Amino acid sequence: MRLFIILVFLAGCTPMRQPQVCLPEKFTEGDYVGQCGGETTELATWWEQFQDNQLSELIVQAIGCNHDLRITRERICEARANFGTEFSRLMPYVDAFASYERLRNSDTLAARPLFLGGTFIDVYQIGFDSIWEIDLFGKITDRAHAAALDIMAQKELVRDVHVSVVSEVAKNYFILRNLQDRIAITQRHIDIEEHLVAITQDRFNAGFISELDLYTAKATLEERYSDLYPLEMRFKQTVYSIAVLLGLNPESLEHCFDEVRPIPCVTGKIPLGLPSELLCRRGDVRQAEYNLYAAGARVCAARKELFPTLSLEGMFEFASGFFTKWFQGNSRQWTISPSLTLPLFHGGQIRSWIAAATSRQWQAALAYEQSVLNALKEVESTLVAYFEEGARVSSLQEEVENYRNARDLAETLYLGGKVDFLYLIQVERDLYNAEILLSITKEDMMTSLVAVYKSLGGGWEC
């Protein structure tokens, strides 16, 4: 009967299976992906489609030298060591010992000197002792299994950090190129404003206009200068951020971006796949899954604390009161003592262990479900952001082209005396704002594309 109860209890120690999360058949924004030629790009090396050698070199260097990645790789070593500690409990522990002891017996106990062995006694001991907790019900095996699952979870963490580092490098690279573009736009408009200041100065000297136009032109020029300084500041800060991502000193890359290049703005090719593939590609989802399995194994180990513990202790030694007889055969002594321990009353401690482990298991299950939902949300959100920003770029390009034509016409009309200077300055300001907005939107589109690849788990060889 007792054996039957134990078997029933063991049957209840099956680790929790992967929760069944209801996944959609396809992504909401998936209909647009087919227009991008999604099956022609390898998701693991998505950045190669931009054909930017400098970006590729930065990403490769970050993969090898980024400190966050190196830290997470070391955590795998730590998890392996923890597994070795748990696995070692399946084997007997053997220790060697040696000791010498000199005793002085009390003189008042000399009534039985033969029993006490005299006033002074030397004791020499050397030998081995061992203890072995036999894994009778699999408690130690469950703990070792949980530690092995911790290794897998840490490997998935490396995978997740790997994807994050790649995407951060690409994101900062696009931001940097966009800042270069905005600096170039601002510099171009500074040249235009200086030209307008020269025109207004000549017209003022000739008495054709009042000082109002001259002051307005100079104020607009200073406004462009004031726009330039924050851009240069952010440019240097972004260079420093990329250097740290590459594991370098912040100032190491200061001269690596002297060449001005346009932001790699291409139509991203997205191998979207099915939502269920996220369970395989996303490192955070897989980490949460392994954490769930490990929590289930620890629940089993906690429950088995209620079972009897079978231990085997042994000792073999040479012990003598004389150094010359220390290693003689008649100085040997040994003991073997098997023991069986059954917990009867611990004040509810073991039940509390079980309750805590079960709670952590449910937390891991909920964390897994949450990671899947977050993965779906990130994919949908980044896809809609990418496609909407792409549509906005097209509209802004038309807007900028129209403003350029309007600006050229306004200058011609101003020089012909048909419009006032304030109208020309307003058109010039509108053109500047439109060009800056177009540049920012291109950055948003490309960083959204990077976020798409990151949300799909891109950047990692499955």
Protein backbone atom coordinates (compact mmCIF):
# COMPACT_ATOMS: atom_id res chain seq x y z
CA MET A 1 0.00 0.00 0.00
CA ARG A 2 2.78 2.38 0.93
CA LEU A 3 4.60 1.62 -2.33
CA PHE A 4 1.39 2.37 -4.22
CA ILE A 5 1.08 5.76 -2.51
CA ILE A 6 4.71 6.58 -3.36
CA LEU A 7 4.19 5.68 -7.02
CA VAL A 8 1.06 7.82 -7.20
CA PHE A 9 2.96 10.74 -5.69
CA LEU A 10 5.80 10.27 -8.15
CA ALA A 11 3.31 10.32 -11.01
CA GLY A 12 2.28 13.79 -9.85
CA CYS A 13 5.87 15.04 -10.25
CA THR A 14 5.74 15.28 -14.04
CA PRO A 15 7.22 18.67 -15.02
CA MET A 16 4.79 21.20 -16.46
CA ARG A 17 4.52 21.03 -20.23
CA GLN A 18 4.79 23.99 -22.55
CA PRO A 19 1.61 26.08 -22.22
CA GLN A 20 -0.59 26.12 -25.27
CA VAL A 21 -0.69 29.75 -26.43
CA CYS A 22 -3.29 30.61 -29.04
CA LEU A 23 -1.35 31.90 -32.04
CA PRO A 24 -2.89 33.58 -35.10
CA GLU A 25 -2.59 31.91 -38.48
CA LYS A 26 -0.79 34.94 -39.93
CA PHE A 27 0.30 38.42 -38.98
CA THR A 28 -2.12 41.28 -39.55
CA GLU A 29 0.47 43.22 -41.57
CA GLY A 30 1.60 40.12 -43.44
CA ASP A 31 -0.32 41.06 -46.58
CA TYR A 32 2.13 43.92 -47.20
CA VAL A 33 5.24 41.81 -46.79
CA GLY A 34 4.75 39.97 -50.07
CA GLN A 35 5.23 43.27 -51.87
CA CYS A 36 8.77 43.47 -50.45
CA GLY A 37 10.07 40.22 -51.92
CA GLY A 38 10.31 38.70 -48.46
CA GLU A 39 11.75 35.33 -49.41
CA THR A 40 14.95 36.68 -50.98
CA THR A 41 16.68 37.82 -47.78
CA GLU A 42 18.38 35.63 -45.18
CA LEU A 43 17.00 36.72 -41.82
CA ALA A 44 20.15 35.69 -39.97
CA THR A 45 22.25 38.23 -41.93
CA TRP A 46 19.59 40.77 -42.83
CA TRP A 47 22.02 43.73 -42.73
CA GLU A 48 23.89 42.48 -45.80
CA GLN A 49 21.03 43.59 -48.07
CA PHE A 50 22.06 47.23 -47.48
CA GLN A 51 25.43 46.53 -49.14
CA ASP A 52 27.18 48.80 -46.68
CA ASN A 53 30.60 47.36 -45.88
CA GLN A 54 31.17 49.64 -42.91
CA LEU A 55 27.88 48.57 -41.30
CA SER A 56 28.75 44.90 -41.82
CA GLU A 57 32.21 45.38 -40.32
CA LEU A 58 30.78 47.14 -37.27
CA ILE A 59 28.27 44.35 -36.67
CA VAL A 60 30.90 41.62 -37.00
CA GLN A 61 33.17 43.43 -34.55
CA ALA A 62 30.32 43.94 -32.09
CA ILE A 63 29.44 40.24 -32.18
CA GLY A 64 32.99 39.37 -31.17
CA CYS A 65 33.79 42.18 -28.72
CA ASN A 66 30.58 43.52 -27.17
CA HIS A 67 30.85 43.34 -23.38
CA ASP A 68 27.18 42.46 -22.80
CA LEU A 69 27.61 39.46 -25.08
CA ARG A 70 30.82 38.43 -23.36
CA ILE A 71 29.14 38.68 -19.95
CA THR A 72 26.24 36.48 -21.03
CA ARG A 73 28.66 33.94 -22.53
CA GLU A 74 30.44 33.77 -19.18
CA ARG A 75 27.09 33.10 -17.53
CA ILE A 76 26.89 29.93 -19.61
CA CYS A 77 30.16 28.85 -17.99
CA GLU A 78 28.67 29.64 -14.58
CA ALA A 79 25.54 27.62 -15.39
CA ARG A 80 27.68 24.69 -16.50
CA ALA A 81 29.61 24.85 -13.24
CA ASN A 82 26.34 24.87 -11.29
CA PHE A 83 25.24 21.81 -13.24
CA GLY A 84 28.51 20.10 -12.32
CA THR A 85 27.83 20.88 -8.67
CA GLU A 86 24.34 19.37 -8.80
CA PHE A 87 25.47 16.34 -10.83
CA SER A 88 28.28 15.63 -8.35
CA ARG A 89 25.66 14.94 -5.66
CA LEU A 90 24.83 11.70 -7.47
CA MET A 91 28.28 10.36 -6.58
CA PRO A 92 29.84 9.49 -3.23
CA TYR A 93 32.02 12.06 -1.51
CA VAL A 94 35.39 10.70 -0.37
CA ASP A 95 37.77 12.64 1.89
CA ALA A 96 41.22 11.81 3.16
CA PHE A 97 42.28 12.80 6.65
CA ALA A 98 45.29 12.61 8.89
CA SER A 99 45.69 13.75 12.48
CA TYR A 100 47.92 13.58 15.48
CA GLU A 101 46.74 14.12 19.03
CA ARG A 102 48.56 14.07 22.38
CA LEU A 103 46.45 13.69 25.51
CA ARG A 104 47.17 14.02 29.20
CA ASN A 105 44.87 12.12 31.49
CA SER A 106 43.94 13.43 34.88
CA ASP A 107 46.15 12.21 37.74
CA THR A 108 43.09 11.83 39.97
CA LEU A 109 41.77 9.17 37.65
CA ALA A 110 44.89 7.04 38.07
CA ALA A 111 42.93 4.40 39.97
CA ARG A 112 42.40 2.63 36.67
CA PRO A 113 45.64 3.36 34.78
CA LEU A 114 45.34 0.32 32.52
CA PHE A 115 41.97 1.48 31.24
CA LEU A 116 43.12 5.06 30.71
CA GLY A 117 46.37 4.04 29.12
CA GLY A 118 48.65 6.08 31.34
CA THR A 119 49.06 9.79 31.98
CA PHE A 120 50.22 10.77 28.44
CA ILE A 121 48.73 9.25 25.28
CA ASP A 122 49.70 9.78 21.60
CA VAL A 123 47.04 9.12 18.93
CA TYR A 124 48.02 8.82 15.25
CA GLN A 125 45.24 8.58 12.64
CA ILE A 126 45.19 8.49 8.85
CA GLY A 127 42.54 7.21 6.46
CA PHE A 128 39.50 7.90 4.31
CA ASP A 129 35.88 8.61 5.01
CA SER A 130 32.98 8.67 2.58
CA ILE A 131 29.33 9.61 2.47
CA TRP A 132 26.90 8.84 -0.32
CA GLU A 133 23.28 9.91 -0.52
CA ILE A 134 21.71 7.36 -2.82
CA ASP A 135 19.28 8.97 -5.26
CA LEU A 136 16.50 6.59 -4.33
CA PHE A 137 13.56 8.62 -5.65
CA GLY A 138 15.32 10.87 -8.19
CA LYS A 139 15.46 14.05 -6.11
CA ILE A 140 19.10 14.75 -6.96
CA THR A 141 18.49 13.85 -10.61
CA ASP A 142 15.68 16.42 -10.75
CA ARG A 143 17.99 19.10 -9.41
CA ALA A 144 20.67 18.20 -11.94
CA HIS A 145 18.03 18.24 -14.69
CA ALA A 146 16.95 21.71 -13.62
CA ALA A 147 20.58 22.89 -13.68
CA ALA A 148 20.99 21.46 -17.20
CA LEU A 149 17.90 23.39 -18.30
CA ASP A 150 19.43 26.52 -16.78
CA ILE A 151 22.35 26.06 -19.19
CA MET A 152 19.95 25.97 -22.12
CA ALA A 153 18.16 29.07 -20.81
CA GLN A 154 21.48 30.93 -20.57
CA LYS A 155 22.33 29.93 -24.14
CA GLU A 156 19.02 31.41 -25.27
CA LEU A 157 19.84 34.57 -23.32
CA VAL A 158 23.09 34.83 -25.31
CA ARG A 159 21.02 34.44 -28.45
CA ASP A 160 18.65 37.21 -27.38
CA VAL A 161 21.49 39.57 -26.43
CA HIS A 162 23.21 38.73 -29.72
CA VAL A 163 20.15 39.88 -31.67
CA SER A 164 19.81 42.99 -29.50
CA VAL A 165 23.45 43.99 -29.99
CA VAL A 166 23.25 43.55 -33.77
CA SER A 167 20.08 45.63 -33.95
CA GLU A 168 21.52 48.33 -31.66
CA VAL A 169 24.61 48.68 -33.83
CA ALA A 170 22.49 48.98 -36.98
CA LYS A 171 20.07 51.38 -35.31
CA ASN A 172 22.84 53.68 -34.10
CA TYR A 173 24.53 53.49 -37.49
CA PHE A 174 21.34 54.64 -39.22
CA ILE A 175 20.90 57.42 -36.65
CA LEU A 176 24.49 58.52 -37.25
CA ARG A 177 24.05 58.63 -41.03
CA ASN A 178 20.79 60.51 -40.58
CA LEU A 179 22.52 63.07 -38.37
CA GLN A 180 25.14 63.53 -41.07
CA ASP A 181 22.32 64.14 -43.55
CA ARG A 182 20.61 66.65 -41.27
CA ILE A 183 23.92 68.42 -40.66
CA ALA A 184 24.43 68.63 -44.43
CA ILE A 185 20.89 70.02 -44.88
CA THR A 186 21.49 72.60 -42.18
CA GLN A 187 24.85 73.58 -43.66
CA ARG A 188 23.24 73.96 -47.08
CA HIS A 189 20.55 76.23 -45.68
CA ILE A 190 23.19 78.21 -43.77
CA ASP A 191 24.82 78.90 -47.13
CA ILE A 192 21.44 79.94 -48.53
CA GLU A 193 20.76 82.22 -45.56
CA GLU A 194 24.22 83.79 -45.89
CA HIS A 195 23.40 84.43 -49.55
CA LEU A 196 20.10 86.06 -48.53
CA VAL A 197 21.88 88.18 -45.92
CA ALA A 198 24.28 89.39 -48.61
CA ILE A 199 21.38 90.19 -50.94
CA THR A 200 19.45 92.10 -48.28
CA GLN A 201 22.62 93.94 -47.21
CA ASP A 202 23.20 95.12 -50.78
CA ARG A 203 19.57 96.13 -51.23
CA PHE A 204 19.58 97.93 -47.88
CA ASN A 205 22.77 99.81 -48.79
CA ALA A 206 21.13 100.81 -52.06
CA GLY A 207 18.10 102.09 -50.15
CA PHE A 208 15.66 99.62 -51.72
CA ILE A 209 14.54 97.98 -48.44
CA SER A 210 14.26 98.82 -44.78
CA GLU A 211 16.33 97.39 -41.94
CA LEU A 212 13.48 94.97 -41.14
CA ASP A 213 14.41 92.63 -44.00
CA LEU A 214 18.10 92.76 -43.06
CA TYR A 215 17.44 91.96 -39.41
CA THR A 216 15.05 89.16 -40.39
CA ALA A 217 17.66 87.58 -42.69
CA LYS A 218 20.36 87.77 -40.01
CA ALA A 219 18.03 86.31 -37.36
CA THR A 220 17.14 83.42 -39.67
CA LEU A 221 20.84 82.76 -40.28
CA GLU A 222 21.51 82.59 -36.54
CA GLU A 223 18.54 80.27 -36.19
CA ARG A 224 20.18 77.84 -38.61
CA TYR A 225 23.43 78.02 -36.67
CA SER A 226 21.54 77.23 -33.47
CA ASP A 227 20.04 74.17 -35.19
CA LEU A 228 23.51 72.95 -36.18
CA TYR A 229 25.10 72.71 -32.72
CA PRO A 230 22.71 70.09 -31.20
CA LEU A 231 23.09 67.94 -34.32
CA GLU A 232 26.87 67.95 -34.01
CA MET A 233 26.56 67.11 -30.32
CA ARG A 234 24.23 64.14 -31.01
CA PHE A 235 26.52 62.98 -33.82
CA LYS A 236 29.48 62.67 -31.45
CA GLN A 237 27.34 61.02 -28.78
CA THR A 238 26.16 58.44 -31.32
CA VAL A 239 29.74 57.71 -32.36
CA TYR A 240 30.58 57.13 -28.69
CA SER A 241 27.59 54.78 -28.33
CA ILE A 242 28.71 52.70 -31.32
CA ALA A 243 32.23 52.49 -29.90
CA VAL A 244 30.95 51.13 -26.61
CA LEU A 245 28.79 48.59 -28.46
CA LEU A 246 31.98 47.42 -30.16
CA GLY A 247 33.80 47.14 -26.83
CA LEU A 248 36.06 50.12 -27.58
CA ASN A 249 36.92 53.35 -25.83
CA PRO A 250 34.37 56.06 -26.75
CA GLU A 251 36.94 58.17 -28.58
CA SER A 252 38.26 55.27 -30.70
CA LEU A 253 35.87 55.83 -33.62
CA GLU A 254 35.95 59.61 -33.81
CA HIS A 255 37.72 59.66 -37.20
CA CYS A 256 35.99 56.59 -38.67
CA PHE A 257 32.94 58.54 -39.82
CA ASP A 258 34.59 61.55 -41.43
CA GLU A 259 33.25 60.45 -44.79
CA VAL A 260 29.65 61.56 -45.17
CA ARG A 261 27.40 58.82 -46.51
CA PRO A 262 23.64 58.78 -47.08
CA ILE A 263 21.50 56.67 -44.79
CA PRO A 264 21.05 53.19 -46.34
CA CYS A 265 17.42 53.63 -47.32
CA VAL A 266 16.19 50.57 -49.22
CA THR A 267 13.01 48.57 -49.35
CA GLY A 268 13.53 45.95 -46.68
CA LYS A 269 12.99 42.34 -47.64
CA ILE A 270 11.25 40.62 -44.76
CA PRO A 271 11.01 36.81 -44.59
CA LEU A 272 8.06 37.03 -42.24
CA GLY A 273 7.00 33.38 -41.99
CA LEU A 274 4.30 32.16 -39.62
CA PRO A 275 3.66 33.43 -36.09
CA SER A 276 4.45 29.96 -34.74
CA GLU A 277 8.04 30.33 -35.99
CA LEU A 278 8.62 32.98 -33.33
CA LEU A 279 8.63 30.18 -30.76
CA CYS A 280 11.77 28.87 -32.45
CA ARG A 281 13.55 32.08 -33.47
CA ARG A 282 12.99 34.37 -30.50
CA GLY A 283 15.66 33.90 -27.85
CA ASP A 284 13.55 35.43 -25.07
CA VAL A 285 10.67 33.04 -25.81
CA ARG A 286 12.95 30.01 -25.79
CA GLN A 287 14.63 31.20 -22.60
CA ALA A 288 11.25 31.53 -20.93
CA GLU A 289 10.40 28.00 -22.10
CA TYR A 290 13.55 26.49 -20.58
CA ASN A 291 12.98 28.46 -17.37
CA LEU A 292 9.54 26.88 -17.21
CA TYR A 293 10.93 23.37 -17.59
CA ALA A 294 13.59 24.05 -14.96
CA ALA A 295 10.96 25.33 -12.54
CA GLY A 296 8.97 22.12 -13.09
CA ALA A 297 12.01 19.97 -12.31
CA ARG A 298 12.59 21.93 -9.09
CA VAL A 299 8.97 21.34 -8.06
CA CYS A 300 9.57 17.60 -8.41
CA ALA A 301 12.75 17.86 -6.33
CA ALA A 302 10.92 19.84 -3.65
CA ARG A 303 8.12 17.26 -3.43
CA LYS A 304 10.61 14.45 -3.03
CA GLU A 305 11.94 16.09 0.13
CA LEU A 306 8.98 14.30 1.77
CA PHE A 307 10.43 10.90 0.82
CA PRO A 308 12.95 8.88 2.83
CA THR A 309 16.62 9.66 2.34
CA LEU A 310 19.00 6.71 2.10
CA SER A 311 22.62 7.46 2.92
CA LEU A 312 25.69 5.29 3.16
CA GLU A 313 28.65 6.37 5.30
CA GLY A 314 31.96 4.58 5.57
CA MET A 315 35.38 5.07 7.08
CA PHE A 316 38.68 3.25 6.83
CA GLU A 317 41.74 4.32 8.81
CA PHE A 318 44.96 3.36 10.52
CA ALA A 319 44.94 4.42 14.17
CA SER A 320 47.63 3.76 16.75
CA GLY A 321 49.06 5.14 19.93
CA PHE A 322 52.59 4.47 18.69
CA PHE A 323 54.18 5.99 15.61
CA THR A 324 56.13 2.81 14.80
CA LYS A 325 52.92 0.73 14.78
CA TRP A 326 50.86 3.28 12.81
CA PHE A 327 50.61 1.35 9.54
CA GLN A 328 50.62 -2.19 10.88
CA GLY A 329 47.76 -4.45 9.92
CA ASN A 330 46.40 -4.67 13.43
CA SER A 331 46.09 -0.82 13.49
CA ARG A 332 43.32 -0.90 10.89
CA GLN A 333 39.78 0.06 11.73
CA TRP A 334 36.73 0.72 9.57
CA THR A 335 33.03 1.36 9.79
CA ILE A 336 30.10 1.08 7.39
CA SER A 337 26.86 2.71 8.45
CA PRO A 338 23.84 2.87 6.12
CA SER A 339 21.04 5.11 7.35
CA LEU A 340 17.47 5.81 6.32
CA THR A 341 15.90 9.13 7.28
CA LEU A 342 12.19 9.90 6.97
CA PRO A 343 11.03 13.45 7.71
CA LEU A 344 8.17 13.36 10.21
CA PHE A 345 7.81 16.88 11.55
CA HIS A 346 9.59 19.99 10.27
CA GLY A 347 7.02 22.60 11.23
CA GLY A 348 5.66 22.84 7.67
CA GLN A 349 9.06 23.72 6.20
CA ILE A 350 8.99 21.13 3.41
CA ARG A 351 5.40 21.99 2.48
CA SER A 352 6.46 25.63 2.27
CA TRP A 353 9.33 24.65 -0.03
CA ILE A 354 6.89 22.83 -2.27
CA ALA A 355 4.46 25.76 -2.28
CA ALA A 356 7.25 28.23 -3.13
CA ALA A 357 8.58 26.02 -5.94
CA THR A 358 5.07 25.55 -7.34
CA SER A 359 4.48 29.30 -7.26
CA ARG A 360 7.74 29.87 -9.15
CA GLN A 361 6.59 27.29 -11.69
CA TRP A 362 3.34 29.15 -12.30
CA GLN A 363 5.27 32.41 -12.53
CA ALA A 364 7.50 30.81 -15.19
CA ALA A 365 4.42 29.61 -17.08
CA LEU A 366 2.88 33.08 -17.06
CA ALA A 367 6.24 34.61 -18.05
CA TYR A 368 6.37 32.24 -21.02
CA GLU A 369 2.88 33.20 -22.15
CA GLN A 370 3.72 36.87 -21.70
CA SER A 371 6.91 36.52 -23.76
CA VAL A 372 4.91 34.98 -26.63
CA LEU A 373 2.33 37.78 -26.50
CA ASN A 374 5.07 40.41 -26.40
CA ALA A 375 6.75 38.78 -29.40
CA LEU A 376 3.53 38.92 -31.42
CA LYS A 377 2.94 42.53 -30.37
CA GLU A 378 6.47 43.59 -31.30
CA VAL A 379 6.23 42.05 -34.76
CA GLU A 380 2.85 43.64 -35.49
CA SER A 381 3.88 47.03 -34.07
CA THR A 382 7.18 47.22 -35.90
CA LEU A 383 5.65 46.09 -39.20
CA VAL A 384 2.93 48.73 -39.11
CA ALA A 385 5.51 51.37 -38.13
CA TYR A 386 7.80 50.41 -41.01
CA PHE A 387 5.10 50.41 -43.67
CA GLU A 388 3.47 53.64 -42.45
CA GLU A 389 6.82 55.44 -42.25
CA GLY A 390 7.60 54.21 -45.76
CA ALA A 391 4.37 55.71 -47.06
CA ARG A 392 5.13 58.93 -45.22
CA VAL A 393 8.57 59.14 -46.85
CA SER A 394 6.96 59.06 -50.28
CA SER A 395 4.61 61.91 -49.38
CA LEU A 396 7.37 63.99 -47.84
CA GLN A 397 9.56 63.59 -50.90
CA GLU A 398 6.80 65.13 -53.00
CA GLU A 399 6.38 67.88 -50.41
CA VAL A 400 10.09 68.71 -50.43
CA GLU A 401 10.18 68.84 -54.23
CA ASN A 402 7.24 71.25 -54.28
CA TYR A 403 8.81 73.46 -51.61
CA ARG A 404 12.07 73.62 -53.59
CA ASN A 405 10.21 74.85 -56.63
CA ALA A 406 8.28 77.33 -54.50
CA ARG A 407 11.47 78.61 -52.90
CA ASP A 408 13.18 79.21 -56.25
CA LEU A 409 10.09 81.01 -57.56
CA ALA A 410 9.77 83.09 -54.37
CA GLU A 411 13.37 84.33 -54.68
CA THR A 412 12.78 85.30 -58.29
CA LEU A 413 9.61 87.17 -57.37
CA TYR A 414 11.35 88.88 -54.44
CA LEU A 415 14.21 90.11 -56.61
CA GLY A 416 11.59 91.35 -59.05
CA GLY A 417 9.84 93.24 -56.27
CA LYS A 418 6.59 91.26 -56.55
CA VAL A 419 6.65 89.69 -53.04
CA ASP A 420 8.08 90.92 -49.78
CA PHE A 421 11.05 89.41 -47.97
CA LEU A 422 8.97 87.83 -45.19
CA TYR A 423 7.24 85.64 -47.76
CA LEU A 424 10.61 84.45 -49.09
CA ILE A 425 11.87 83.73 -45.57
CA GLN A 426 8.71 81.76 -44.75
CA VAL A 427 9.05 79.60 -47.88
CA GLU A 428 12.72 79.06 -47.07
CA ARG A 429 11.82 78.02 -43.51
CA ASP A 430 9.11 75.66 -44.79
CA LEU A 431 11.58 74.05 -47.18
CA TYR A 432 14.12 73.58 -44.39
CA ASN A 433 11.55 72.04 -42.05
CA ALA A 434 10.28 69.72 -44.78
CA GLU A 435 13.79 68.49 -45.63
CA ILE A 436 14.60 67.90 -41.97
CA LEU A 437 11.31 66.07 -41.46
CA LEU A 438 11.99 63.92 -44.52
CA SER A 439 15.41 63.00 -43.17
CA ILE A 440 13.98 62.16 -39.73
CA THR A 441 11.25 60.05 -41.31
CA LYS A 442 13.83 58.09 -43.29
CA GLU A 443 15.64 57.40 -40.04
CA ASP A 444 12.38 56.31 -38.40
CA MET A 445 11.63 54.02 -41.33
CA MET A 446 15.02 52.33 -41.20
CA THR A 447 15.08 51.99 -37.41
CA SER A 448 11.58 50.50 -37.66
CA LEU A 449 12.93 48.02 -40.20
CA VAL A 450 15.72 47.11 -37.78
CA ALA A 451 13.08 46.63 -35.10
CA VAL A 452 11.18 44.31 -37.46
CA TYR A 453 14.23 42.08 -37.90
CA LYS A 454 14.89 42.15 -34.16
CA SER A 455 11.29 41.21 -33.33
CA LEU A 456 11.54 38.26 -35.75
CA GLY A 457 14.71 37.04 -34.06
CA GLY A 458 16.91 38.06 -36.98
CA GLY A 459 20.66 38.16 -36.60
CA TRP A 460 21.07 34.61 -35.31
CA GLU A 461 21.80 31.34 -37.09
CA CYS A 462 19.17 28.85 -35.98
